[in-house]
Amino acid sequence: MGNVEWSQWPPADHLVTDLTADQHPTPGQEAASGPVLVAAFEGWNNAGDAATGVIEHLWERWDATTIAAIDPEDFYDFTATRPHVRRGGDGQRVIDWPANEFGWARPDGTDGVVLLRGVEPQLRWRTFCESALEVARAMRCTWVLTIGALLADVPHTRPTPVFGTAEDAPLGTRLGLAGSEYQGPTGIVGVLQAECAAHGIPSASLWGAVPSYAPSSPSPKATTALAARTVGLLRASVDTSVLDAAAITYERQLDDLIADDEGTLEYVRLLEREHDADGLVDEVERFLREQ
């Protein structure tokens, strides 16, 4: 199947046995039931590793089974996204290439979820997205949810803002989401959303805000907020106790980090005051809506 390499076909517990490629609702038709493709990518749209952290957490907690992967050969500049070498269990050297893997899970309350944990490619984005949607079609996914995270003027001491968008009107109505007003440079998340629209596949997107003064720190707090919103849209549930504990540690570490930096400390206090006055919340939501 082109660039898609199937490792399990079909998944043993899939709700159907005769999978075909023409299972999507027609444009404008409500995506009311059926599996959902949930995707996040390392790279530009993954501040604080928060978006891919959601996929990794759901994969582990829902015990997802790997069903397919996208062959990276056509999509990456390996001088920019370098493969890693390691020793395998047999002592032989193994090359780990940039991975875009699909996992199948069926959490309670859903008709199944296809999880895509990926790496933003450098090349042939439209073909890459076609490969992702090939899996979505084969698995009879009725809609697609992408997850992203970006740096914003938010304090780490307050709840993480999460905002969602949906360009498909019926899906947006069902999920309580409006369309995005953003115009400007985009990442693979934006291109995947556009390709979904071009193929008549309903899609939505969630975005979480990560403190701009901690750009290199993984943010389990943002991951927790995005995970909660994700499972809410899917009408599923997931244990986030591990993420909750990591979020508390994250807050404490940032507290310690900025304690001796008067400039950053005052900036955080300013953000806290604005947040507590609700002005920052409105501003951040507007900022996220325009992404």
C-alpha atoms as a PDB file:
ATOM      1  CA  MET A   1       0.000   0.000   0.000  1.00  0.00           C
ATOM      2  CA  GLY A   2       2.487   2.651  -1.104  1.00  0.00           C
ATOM      3  CA  ASN A   3       4.421   4.160   1.785  1.00  0.00           C
ATOM      4  CA  VAL A   4       2.340   2.420   4.448  1.00  0.00           C
ATOM      5  CA  GLU A   5       3.757  -0.757   5.940  1.00  0.00           C
ATOM      6  CA  TRP A   6       1.153  -2.871   7.745  1.00  0.00           C
ATOM      7  CA  SER A   7       2.300  -4.978  10.685  1.00  0.00           C
ATOM      8  CA  GLN A   8      -1.154  -6.302  11.586  1.00  0.00           C
ATOM      9  CA  TRP A   9      -4.024  -6.471   9.141  1.00  0.00           C
ATOM     10  CA  PRO A  10      -6.711  -6.246  10.268  1.00  0.00           C
ATOM     11  CA  PRO A  11      -6.408  -5.657  14.032  1.00  0.00           C
ATOM     12  CA  ALA A  12      -7.782  -8.685  15.838  1.00  0.00           C
ATOM     13  CA  ASP A  13     -10.561  -6.870  17.705  1.00  0.00           C
ATOM     14  CA  HIS A  14     -11.621  -4.410  15.037  1.00  0.00           C
ATOM     15  CA  LEU A  15     -15.353  -3.887  14.807  1.00  0.00           C
ATOM     16  CA  VAL A  16     -15.406  -5.003  11.172  1.00  0.00           C
ATOM     17  CA  THR A  17     -13.756  -7.823   9.278  1.00  0.00           C
ATOM     18  CA  ASP A  18     -14.128  -6.559   5.731  1.00  0.00           C
ATOM     19  CA  LEU A  19     -12.203  -3.259   5.701  1.00  0.00           C
ATOM     20  CA  THR A  20     -12.415  -1.122   2.597  1.00  0.00           C
ATOM     21  CA  ALA A  21     -11.192   2.357   1.643  1.00  0.00           C
ATOM     22  CA  ASP A  22     -14.492   4.174   1.126  1.00  0.00           C
ATOM     23  CA  GLN A  23     -15.918   4.419   4.613  1.00  0.00           C
ATOM     24  CA  HIS A  24     -15.970   8.154   5.321  1.00  0.00           C
ATOM     25  CA  PRO A  25     -19.058  10.301   5.722  1.00  0.00           C
ATOM     26  CA  THR A  26     -19.856  12.401   2.679  1.00  0.00           C
ATOM     27  CA  PRO A  27     -18.963  16.112   3.008  1.00  0.00           C
ATOM     28  CA  GLY A  28     -21.327  17.761   5.507  1.00  0.00           C
ATOM     29  CA  GLN A  29     -22.494  14.455   6.968  1.00  0.00           C
ATOM     30  CA  GLU A  30     -22.080  14.178  10.742  1.00  0.00           C
ATOM     31  CA  ALA A  31     -19.340  11.835  11.944  1.00  0.00           C
ATOM     32  CA  ALA A  32     -21.435  10.340  14.732  1.00  0.00           C
ATOM     33  CA  SER A  33     -19.733   7.032  15.406  1.00  0.00           C
ATOM     34  CA  GLY A  34     -16.893   4.809  14.321  1.00  0.00           C
ATOM     35  CA  PRO A  35     -13.151   4.886  14.999  1.00  0.00           C
ATOM     36  CA  VAL A  36     -11.207   8.148  15.240  1.00  0.00           C
ATOM     37  CA  LEU A  37      -7.642   8.875  14.115  1.00  0.00           C
ATOM     38  CA  VAL A  38      -5.777  10.902  16.789  1.00  0.00           C
ATOM     39  CA  ALA A  39      -2.414  12.285  15.659  1.00  0.00           C
ATOM     40  CA  ALA A  40       0.491  14.308  17.060  1.00  0.00           C
ATOM     41  CA  PHE A  41       3.965  14.991  15.715  1.00  0.00           C
ATOM     42  CA  GLU A  42       7.361  15.873  17.091  1.00  0.00           C
ATOM     43  CA  GLY A  43       8.611  19.179  15.751  1.00  0.00           C
ATOM     44  CA  TRP A  44       7.238  22.672  15.306  1.00  0.00           C
ATOM     45  CA  ASN A  45       3.766  21.964  16.733  1.00  0.00           C
ATOM     46  CA  ASN A  46       4.962  20.141  19.850  1.00  0.00           C
ATOM     47  CA  ALA A  47       6.095  22.707  22.432  1.00  0.00           C
ATOM     48  CA  GLY A  48       7.170  21.047  25.655  1.00  0.00           C
ATOM     49  CA  ASP A  49       6.648  17.630  24.028  1.00  0.00           C
ATOM     50  CA  ALA A  50       3.068  18.091  25.202  1.00  0.00           C
ATOM     51  CA  ALA A  51       1.230  16.877  22.081  1.00  0.00           C
ATOM     52  CA  THR A  52       3.246  13.719  21.482  1.00  0.00           C
ATOM     53  CA  GLY A  53       3.109  13.126  25.239  1.00  0.00           C
ATOM     54  CA  VAL A  54      -0.655  12.684  24.916  1.00  0.00           C
ATOM     55  CA  ILE A  55      -0.292  10.018  22.230  1.00  0.00           C
ATOM     56  CA  GLU A  56       2.382   8.184  24.207  1.00  0.00           C
ATOM     57  CA  HIS A  57       0.263   8.231  27.357  1.00  0.00           C
ATOM     58  CA  LEU A  58      -2.885   6.997  25.603  1.00  0.00           C
ATOM     59  CA  TRP A  59      -0.870   4.347  23.764  1.00  0.00           C
ATOM     60  CA  GLU A  60       0.449   2.972  27.032  1.00  0.00           C
ATOM     61  CA  ARG A  61      -2.718   3.271  29.119  1.00  0.00           C
ATOM     62  CA  TRP A  62      -4.983   1.893  26.415  1.00  0.00           C
ATOM     63  CA  ASP A  63      -2.472  -0.836  25.556  1.00  0.00           C
ATOM     64  CA  ALA A  64      -2.498   0.030  21.862  1.00  0.00           C
ATOM     65  CA  THR A  65      -1.318  -2.513  19.307  1.00  0.00           C
ATOM     66  CA  THR A  66       0.991  -1.342  16.534  1.00  0.00           C
ATOM     67  CA  ILE A  67      -0.786  -1.934  13.227  1.00  0.00           C
ATOM     68  CA  ALA A  68       1.140   0.113  10.655  1.00  0.00           C
ATOM     69  CA  ALA A  69       3.940   2.597  10.005  1.00  0.00           C
ATOM     70  CA  ILE A  70       4.914   5.057   7.284  1.00  0.00           C
ATOM     71  CA  ASP A  71       8.206   4.256   5.553  1.00  0.00           C
ATOM     72  CA  PRO A  72      10.387   7.327   6.306  1.00  0.00           C
ATOM     73  CA  GLU A  73      12.613   7.061   3.192  1.00  0.00           C
ATOM     74  CA  ASP A  74      10.681   9.520   1.010  1.00  0.00           C
ATOM     75  CA  PHE A  75       9.845  12.106   3.645  1.00  0.00           C
ATOM     76  CA  TYR A  76      12.952  13.064   5.622  1.00  0.00           C
ATOM     77  CA  ASP A  77      16.235  14.833   5.134  1.00  0.00           C
ATOM     78  CA  PHE A  78      18.303  12.496   7.288  1.00  0.00           C
ATOM     79  CA  THR A  79      20.963  15.170   7.763  1.00  0.00           C
ATOM     80  CA  ALA A  80      18.314  17.228   9.594  1.00  0.00           C
ATOM     81  CA  THR A  81      16.381  14.437  11.324  1.00  0.00           C
ATOM     82  CA  ARG A  82      19.126  11.928  11.929  1.00  0.00           C
ATOM     83  CA  PRO A  83      18.517   8.237  12.616  1.00  0.00           C
ATOM     84  CA  HIS A  84      19.939   6.778  15.835  1.00  0.00           C
ATOM     85  CA  VAL A  85      22.192   3.740  16.170  1.00  0.00           C
ATOM     86  CA  ARG A  86      22.095   1.313  19.103  1.00  0.00           C
ATOM     87  CA  ARG A  87      22.951  -2.235  20.096  1.00  0.00           C
ATOM     88  CA  GLY A  88      20.112  -4.692  19.719  1.00  0.00           C
ATOM     89  CA  GLY A  89      19.336  -7.563  22.059  1.00  0.00           C
ATOM     90  CA  ASP A  90      21.584  -9.841  20.008  1.00  0.00           C
ATOM     91  CA  GLY A  91      24.480  -7.411  20.255  1.00  0.00           C
ATOM     92  CA  GLN A  92      24.161  -6.266  16.640  1.00  0.00           C
ATOM     93  CA  ARG A  93      24.031  -2.594  15.715  1.00  0.00           C
ATOM     94  CA  VAL A  94      20.526  -1.401  14.820  1.00  0.00           C
ATOM     95  CA  ILE A  95      19.470   1.810  13.057  1.00  0.00           C
ATOM     96  CA  ASP A  96      16.313   3.479  14.389  1.00  0.00           C
ATOM     97  CA  TRP A  97      14.794   5.674  11.676  1.00  0.00           C
ATOM     98  CA  PRO A  98      12.280   8.494  12.250  1.00  0.00           C
ATOM     99  CA  ALA A  99       9.094   6.654  13.160  1.00  0.00           C
ATOM    100  CA  ASN A 100       5.473   7.352  12.282  1.00  0.00           C
ATOM    101  CA  GLU A 101       3.578   4.508  13.877  1.00  0.00           C
ATOM    102  CA  PHE A 102      -0.139   3.758  14.062  1.00  0.00           C
ATOM    103  CA  GLY A 103      -1.620   1.963  17.042  1.00  0.00           C
ATOM    104  CA  TRP A 104      -5.072   0.474  17.489  1.00  0.00           C
ATOM    105  CA  ALA A 105      -6.933   0.660  20.809  1.00  0.00           C
ATOM    106  CA  ARG A 106     -10.540   0.256  21.813  1.00  0.00           C
ATOM    107  CA  PRO A 107     -11.123   2.113  25.073  1.00  0.00           C
ATOM    108  CA  ASP A 108     -14.520   1.847  26.728  1.00  0.00           C
ATOM    109  CA  GLY A 109     -17.106   4.191  25.281  1.00  0.00           C
ATOM    110  CA  THR A 110     -15.598   4.275  21.785  1.00  0.00           C
ATOM    111  CA  ASP A 111     -15.762   2.349  18.525  1.00  0.00           C
ATOM    112  CA  GLY A 112     -11.975   2.336  18.505  1.00  0.00           C
ATOM    113  CA  VAL A 113      -9.119   4.810  18.269  1.00  0.00           C
ATOM    114  CA  VAL A 114      -6.201   4.841  15.832  1.00  0.00           C
ATOM    115  CA  LEU A 115      -3.245   6.628  17.448  1.00  0.00           C
ATOM    116  CA  LEU A 116      -0.562   8.173  15.237  1.00  0.00           C
ATOM    117  CA  ARG A 117       2.679   9.152  16.950  1.00  0.00           C
ATOM    118  CA  GLY A 118       4.890  10.800  14.372  1.00  0.00           C
ATOM    119  CA  VAL A 119       7.727  13.121  13.462  1.00  0.00           C
ATOM    120  CA  GLU A 120       7.130  16.160  11.280  1.00  0.00           C
ATOM    121  CA  PRO A 121       8.776  15.390   7.914  1.00  0.00           C
ATOM    122  CA  GLN A 122      10.885  17.736   5.799  1.00  0.00           C
ATOM    123  CA  LEU A 123       9.699  16.514   2.392  1.00  0.00           C
ATOM    124  CA  ARG A 124       6.554  15.690   0.408  1.00  0.00           C
ATOM    125  CA  TRP A 125       4.031  16.739   3.033  1.00  0.00           C
ATOM    126  CA  ARG A 126       0.969  16.142   0.862  1.00  0.00           C
ATOM    127  CA  THR A 127       2.083  12.605   0.034  1.00  0.00           C
ATOM    128  CA  PHE A 128       2.885  12.026   3.703  1.00  0.00           C
ATOM    129  CA  CYS A 129      -0.626  13.128   4.679  1.00  0.00           C
ATOM    130  CA  GLU A 130      -2.100  10.903   1.970  1.00  0.00           C
ATOM    131  CA  SER A 131      -0.302   7.982   3.620  1.00  0.00           C
ATOM    132  CA  ALA A 132      -1.759   8.891   7.018  1.00  0.00           C
ATOM    133  CA  LEU A 133      -5.242   9.179   5.552  1.00  0.00           C
ATOM    134  CA  GLU A 134      -4.790   5.849   3.789  1.00  0.00           C
ATOM    135  CA  VAL A 135      -4.636   4.250   7.217  1.00  0.00           C
ATOM    136  CA  ALA A 136      -7.616   6.295   8.388  1.00  0.00           C
ATOM    137  CA  ARG A 137      -9.654   5.113   5.403  1.00  0.00           C
ATOM    138  CA  ALA A 138      -8.626   1.505   5.822  1.00  0.00           C
ATOM    139  CA  MET A 139      -9.583   1.582   9.496  1.00  0.00           C
ATOM    140  CA  ARG A 140     -12.932   3.227   8.752  1.00  0.00           C
ATOM    141  CA  CYS A 141     -12.117   6.309  10.817  1.00  0.00           C
ATOM    142  CA  THR A 142     -15.056   8.714  10.706  1.00  0.00           C
ATOM    143  CA  TRP A 143     -13.068  11.767  11.771  1.00  0.00           C
ATOM    144  CA  VAL A 144      -9.547  12.934  12.591  1.00  0.00           C
ATOM    145  CA  LEU A 145      -8.283  14.753  15.690  1.00  0.00           C
ATOM    146  CA  THR A 146      -4.862  16.411  15.655  1.00  0.00           C
ATOM    147  CA  ILE A 147      -3.089  17.612  18.795  1.00  0.00           C
ATOM    148  CA  GLY A 148      -0.584  20.453  18.985  1.00  0.00           C
ATOM    149  CA  ALA A 149       1.158  22.620  21.558  1.00  0.00           C
ATOM    150  CA  LEU A 150       2.776  26.035  21.272  1.00  0.00           C
ATOM    151  CA  LEU A 151       4.662  28.546  23.379  1.00  0.00           C
ATOM    152  CA  ALA A 152       2.537  31.372  24.789  1.00  0.00           C
ATOM    153  CA  ASP A 153       2.484  33.984  27.546  1.00  0.00           C
ATOM    154  CA  VAL A 154       0.968  31.751  30.224  1.00  0.00           C
ATOM    155  CA  PRO A 155       2.115  31.118  33.824  1.00  0.00           C
ATOM    156  CA  HIS A 156       3.087  27.580  34.844  1.00  0.00           C
ATOM    157  CA  THR A 157       1.271  28.123  38.152  1.00  0.00           C
ATOM    158  CA  ARG A 158      -2.200  28.239  36.608  1.00  0.00           C
ATOM    159  CA  PRO A 159      -4.266  25.690  34.630  1.00  0.00           C
ATOM    160  CA  THR A 160      -3.015  25.071  31.093  1.00  0.00           C
ATOM    161  CA  PRO A 161      -5.218  26.747  28.460  1.00  0.00           C
ATOM    162  CA  VAL A 162      -6.474  24.318  25.803  1.00  0.00           C
ATOM    163  CA  PHE A 163      -8.425  25.430  22.777  1.00  0.00           C
ATOM    164  CA  GLY A 164     -10.019  23.438  19.984  1.00  0.00           C
ATOM    165  CA  THR A 165     -11.051  24.174  16.410  1.00  0.00           C
ATOM    166  CA  ALA A 166     -13.036  22.344  13.738  1.00  0.00           C
ATOM    167  CA  GLU A 167     -13.531  23.403  10.125  1.00  0.00           C
ATOM    168  CA  ASP A 168     -16.273  20.821   9.493  1.00  0.00           C
ATOM    169  CA  ALA A 169     -19.502  22.487  10.643  1.00  0.00           C
ATOM    170  CA  PRO A 170     -21.471  19.389  11.759  1.00  0.00           C
ATOM    171  CA  LEU A 171     -18.473  18.003  13.662  1.00  0.00           C
ATOM    172  CA  GLY A 172     -17.769  21.413  15.164  1.00  0.00           C
ATOM    173  CA  THR A 173     -21.363  21.676  16.357  1.00  0.00           C
ATOM    174  CA  ARG A 174     -21.233  18.236  17.946  1.00  0.00           C
ATOM    175  CA  LEU A 175     -17.909  18.913  19.672  1.00  0.00           C
ATOM    176  CA  GLY A 176     -18.648  22.549  20.549  1.00  0.00           C
ATOM    177  CA  LEU A 177     -15.760  23.876  18.432  1.00  0.00           C
ATOM    178  CA  ALA A 178     -15.507  26.741  15.939  1.00  0.00           C
ATOM    179  CA  GLY A 179     -13.280  27.203  12.906  1.00  0.00           C
ATOM    180  CA  SER A 180      -9.736  28.563  13.097  1.00  0.00           C
ATOM    181  CA  GLU A 181      -9.011  32.145  12.054  1.00  0.00           C
ATOM    182  CA  TYR A 182      -5.261  31.623  11.660  1.00  0.00           C
ATOM    183  CA  GLN A 183      -3.460  32.751   8.510  1.00  0.00           C
ATOM    184  CA  GLY A 184       0.305  32.322   8.146  1.00  0.00           C
ATOM    185  CA  PRO A 185       3.028  29.651   8.251  1.00  0.00           C
ATOM    186  CA  THR A 186       1.828  26.200   9.248  1.00  0.00           C
ATOM    187  CA  GLY A 187       3.198  22.818  10.243  1.00  0.00           C
ATOM    188  CA  ILE A 188       2.317  19.252   9.336  1.00  0.00           C
ATOM    189  CA  VAL A 189      -0.720  19.475  11.635  1.00  0.00           C
ATOM    190  CA  GLY A 190      -2.168  22.283   9.529  1.00  0.00           C
ATOM    191  CA  VAL A 191      -1.449  20.447   6.281  1.00  0.00           C
ATOM    192  CA  LEU A 192      -3.061  17.249   7.571  1.00  0.00           C
ATOM    193  CA  GLN A 193      -6.139  19.270   8.516  1.00  0.00           C
ATOM    194  CA  ALA A 194      -6.246  20.761   5.007  1.00  0.00           C
ATOM    195  CA  GLU A 195      -5.886  17.342   3.388  1.00  0.00           C
ATOM    196  CA  CYS A 196      -8.736  16.022   5.522  1.00  0.00           C
ATOM    197  CA  ALA A 197     -10.947  18.843   4.258  1.00  0.00           C
ATOM    198  CA  ALA A 198      -9.878  18.185   0.654  1.00  0.00           C
ATOM    199  CA  HIS A 199     -10.926  14.543   0.997  1.00  0.00           C
ATOM    200  CA  GLY A 200     -14.201  15.261   2.803  1.00  0.00           C
ATOM    201  CA  ILE A 201     -12.984  13.818   6.109  1.00  0.00           C
ATOM    202  CA  PRO A 202     -14.248  15.734   9.163  1.00  0.00           C
ATOM    203  CA  SER A 203     -11.444  16.872  11.443  1.00  0.00           C
ATOM    204  CA  ALA A 204     -10.773  18.848  14.595  1.00  0.00           C
ATOM    205  CA  SER A 205      -7.678  20.113  16.347  1.00  0.00           C
ATOM    206  CA  LEU A 206      -6.670  20.732  19.966  1.00  0.00           C
ATOM    207  CA  TRP A 207      -3.955  23.159  21.033  1.00  0.00           C
ATOM    208  CA  GLY A 208      -2.330  23.571  24.425  1.00  0.00           C
ATOM    209  CA  ALA A 209      -0.264  26.541  25.649  1.00  0.00           C
ATOM    210  CA  VAL A 210       3.189  26.045  27.199  1.00  0.00           C
ATOM    211  CA  PRO A 211       4.983  28.833  29.135  1.00  0.00           C
ATOM    212  CA  SER A 212       7.243  30.767  26.780  1.00  0.00           C
ATOM    213  CA  TYR A 213       9.893  31.193  29.480  1.00  0.00           C
ATOM    214  CA  ALA A 214      10.396  27.410  29.687  1.00  0.00           C
ATOM    215  CA  PRO A 215      10.732  26.487  25.987  1.00  0.00           C
ATOM    216  CA  SER A 216      13.065  23.503  26.389  1.00  0.00           C
ATOM    217  CA  SER A 217      11.366  21.806  29.344  1.00  0.00           C
ATOM    218  CA  PRO A 218       8.936  18.941  28.705  1.00  0.00           C
ATOM    219  CA  SER A 219       5.549  20.006  30.061  1.00  0.00           C
ATOM    220  CA  PRO A 220       3.588  17.143  31.617  1.00  0.00           C
ATOM    221  CA  LYS A 221       1.145  19.763  32.865  1.00  0.00           C
ATOM    222  CA  ALA A 222       0.208  20.698  29.294  1.00  0.00           C
ATOM    223  CA  THR A 223       0.133  17.015  28.368  1.00  0.00           C
ATOM    224  CA  THR A 224      -2.319  16.355  31.199  1.00  0.00           C
ATOM    225  CA  ALA A 225      -4.637  19.148  30.086  1.00  0.00           C
ATOM    226  CA  LEU A 226      -4.522  18.056  26.442  1.00  0.00           C
ATOM    227  CA  ALA A 227      -5.106  14.410  27.390  1.00  0.00           C
ATOM    228  CA  ALA A 228      -8.157  15.337  29.453  1.00  0.00           C
ATOM    229  CA  ARG A 229      -9.636  17.363  26.609  1.00  0.00           C
ATOM    230  CA  THR A 230      -8.820  14.641  24.072  1.00  0.00           C
ATOM    231  CA  VAL A 231     -10.568  11.836  25.935  1.00  0.00           C
ATOM    232  CA  GLY A 232     -13.472  14.180  26.567  1.00  0.00           C
ATOM    233  CA  LEU A 233     -13.977  14.704  22.828  1.00  0.00           C
ATOM    234  CA  LEU A 234     -13.651  10.958  22.271  1.00  0.00           C
ATOM    235  CA  ARG A 235     -16.140  10.259  25.086  1.00  0.00           C
ATOM    236  CA  ALA A 236     -13.590   7.938  26.632  1.00  0.00           C
ATOM    237  CA  SER A 237     -11.556   7.960  29.848  1.00  0.00           C
ATOM    238  CA  VAL A 238      -7.942   7.430  30.832  1.00  0.00           C
ATOM    239  CA  ASP A 239      -5.976   7.316  34.074  1.00  0.00           C
ATOM    240  CA  THR A 240      -3.764  10.427  34.279  1.00  0.00           C
ATOM    241  CA  SER A 241      -2.387   9.903  37.798  1.00  0.00           C
ATOM    242  CA  VAL A 242       1.175   9.505  36.486  1.00  0.00           C
ATOM    243  CA  LEU A 243       0.858  12.714  34.483  1.00  0.00           C
ATOM    244  CA  ASP A 244      -0.720  14.498  37.446  1.00  0.00           C
ATOM    245  CA  ALA A 245       2.258  13.613  39.640  1.00  0.00           C
ATOM    246  CA  ALA A 246       4.699  14.673  36.926  1.00  0.00           C
ATOM    247  CA  ALA A 247       2.856  17.982  36.550  1.00  0.00           C
ATOM    248  CA  ILE A 248       3.293  18.742  40.254  1.00  0.00           C
ATOM    249  CA  THR A 249       7.020  18.026  39.978  1.00  0.00           C
ATOM    250  CA  TYR A 250       7.189  20.225  36.856  1.00  0.00           C
ATOM    251  CA  GLU A 251       5.636  23.152  38.698  1.00  0.00           C
ATOM    252  CA  ARG A 252       8.027  22.785  41.615  1.00  0.00           C
ATOM    253  CA  GLN A 253      11.042  22.585  39.311  1.00  0.00           C
ATOM    254  CA  LEU A 254      10.023  25.753  37.483  1.00  0.00           C
ATOM    255  CA  ASP A 255       9.396  27.460  40.826  1.00  0.00           C
ATOM    256  CA  ASP A 256      12.957  26.629  41.853  1.00  0.00           C
ATOM    257  CA  LEU A 257      14.340  27.632  38.462  1.00  0.00           C
ATOM    258  CA  ILE A 258      12.895  31.147  38.484  1.00  0.00           C
ATOM    259  CA  ALA A 259      13.192  31.800  42.231  1.00  0.00           C
ATOM    260  CA  ASP A 260      16.522  33.619  41.851  1.00  0.00           C
ATOM    261  CA  ASP A 261      15.655  35.331  38.569  1.00  0.00           C
ATOM    262  CA  GLU A 262      13.878  38.548  39.555  1.00  0.00           C
ATOM    263  CA  GLY A 263      13.006  39.453  35.971  1.00  0.00           C
ATOM    264  CA  THR A 264      11.316  36.133  35.170  1.00  0.00           C
ATOM    265  CA  LEU A 265       9.707  35.976  38.617  1.00  0.00           C
ATOM    266  CA  GLU A 266       8.082  39.366  38.150  1.00  0.00           C
ATOM    267  CA  TYR A 267       6.972  38.368  34.642  1.00  0.00           C
ATOM    268  CA  VAL A 268       5.291  35.238  36.032  1.00  0.00           C
ATOM    269  CA  ARG A 269       3.573  37.296  38.746  1.00  0.00           C
ATOM    270  CA  LEU A 270       2.283  39.652  36.049  1.00  0.00           C
ATOM    271  CA  LEU A 271       0.897  36.715  34.061  1.00  0.00           C
ATOM    272  CA  GLU A 272      -0.726  35.361  37.217  1.00  0.00           C
ATOM    273  CA  ARG A 273      -2.452  38.679  37.905  1.00  0.00           C
ATOM    274  CA  GLU A 274      -3.704  38.886  34.339  1.00  0.00           C
ATOM    275  CA  HIS A 275      -4.903  35.290  34.461  1.00  0.00           C
ATOM    276  CA  ASP A 276      -6.719  35.794  37.761  1.00  0.00           C
ATOM    277  CA  ALA A 277      -8.440  38.822  36.281  1.00  0.00           C
ATOM    278  CA  ASP A 278      -9.580  36.642  33.337  1.00  0.00           C
ATOM    279  CA  GLY A 279      -7.920  38.969  30.853  1.00  0.00           C
ATOM    280  CA  LEU A 280      -5.079  36.566  30.142  1.00  0.00           C
ATOM    281  CA  VAL A 281      -7.456  33.645  29.641  1.00  0.00           C
ATOM    282  CA  ASP A 282      -9.386  35.536  26.974  1.00  0.00           C
ATOM    283  CA  GLU A 283      -6.183  36.702  25.318  1.00  0.00           C
ATOM    284  CA  VAL A 284      -4.645  33.223  25.245  1.00  0.00           C
ATOM    285  CA  GLU A 285      -7.843  31.666  23.922  1.00  0.00           C
ATOM    286  CA  ARG A 286      -7.890  34.246  21.148  1.00  0.00           C
ATOM    287  CA  PHE A 287      -4.230  33.557  20.438  1.00  0.00           C
ATOM    288  CA  LEU A 288      -4.809  29.804  20.278  1.00  0.00           C
ATOM    289  CA  ARG A 289      -7.879  30.229  18.110  1.00  0.00           C
ATOM    290  CA  GLU A 290      -5.773  32.111  15.585  1.00  0.00           C
ATOM    291  CA  GLN A 291      -3.133  29.370  15.334  1.00  0.00           C
END
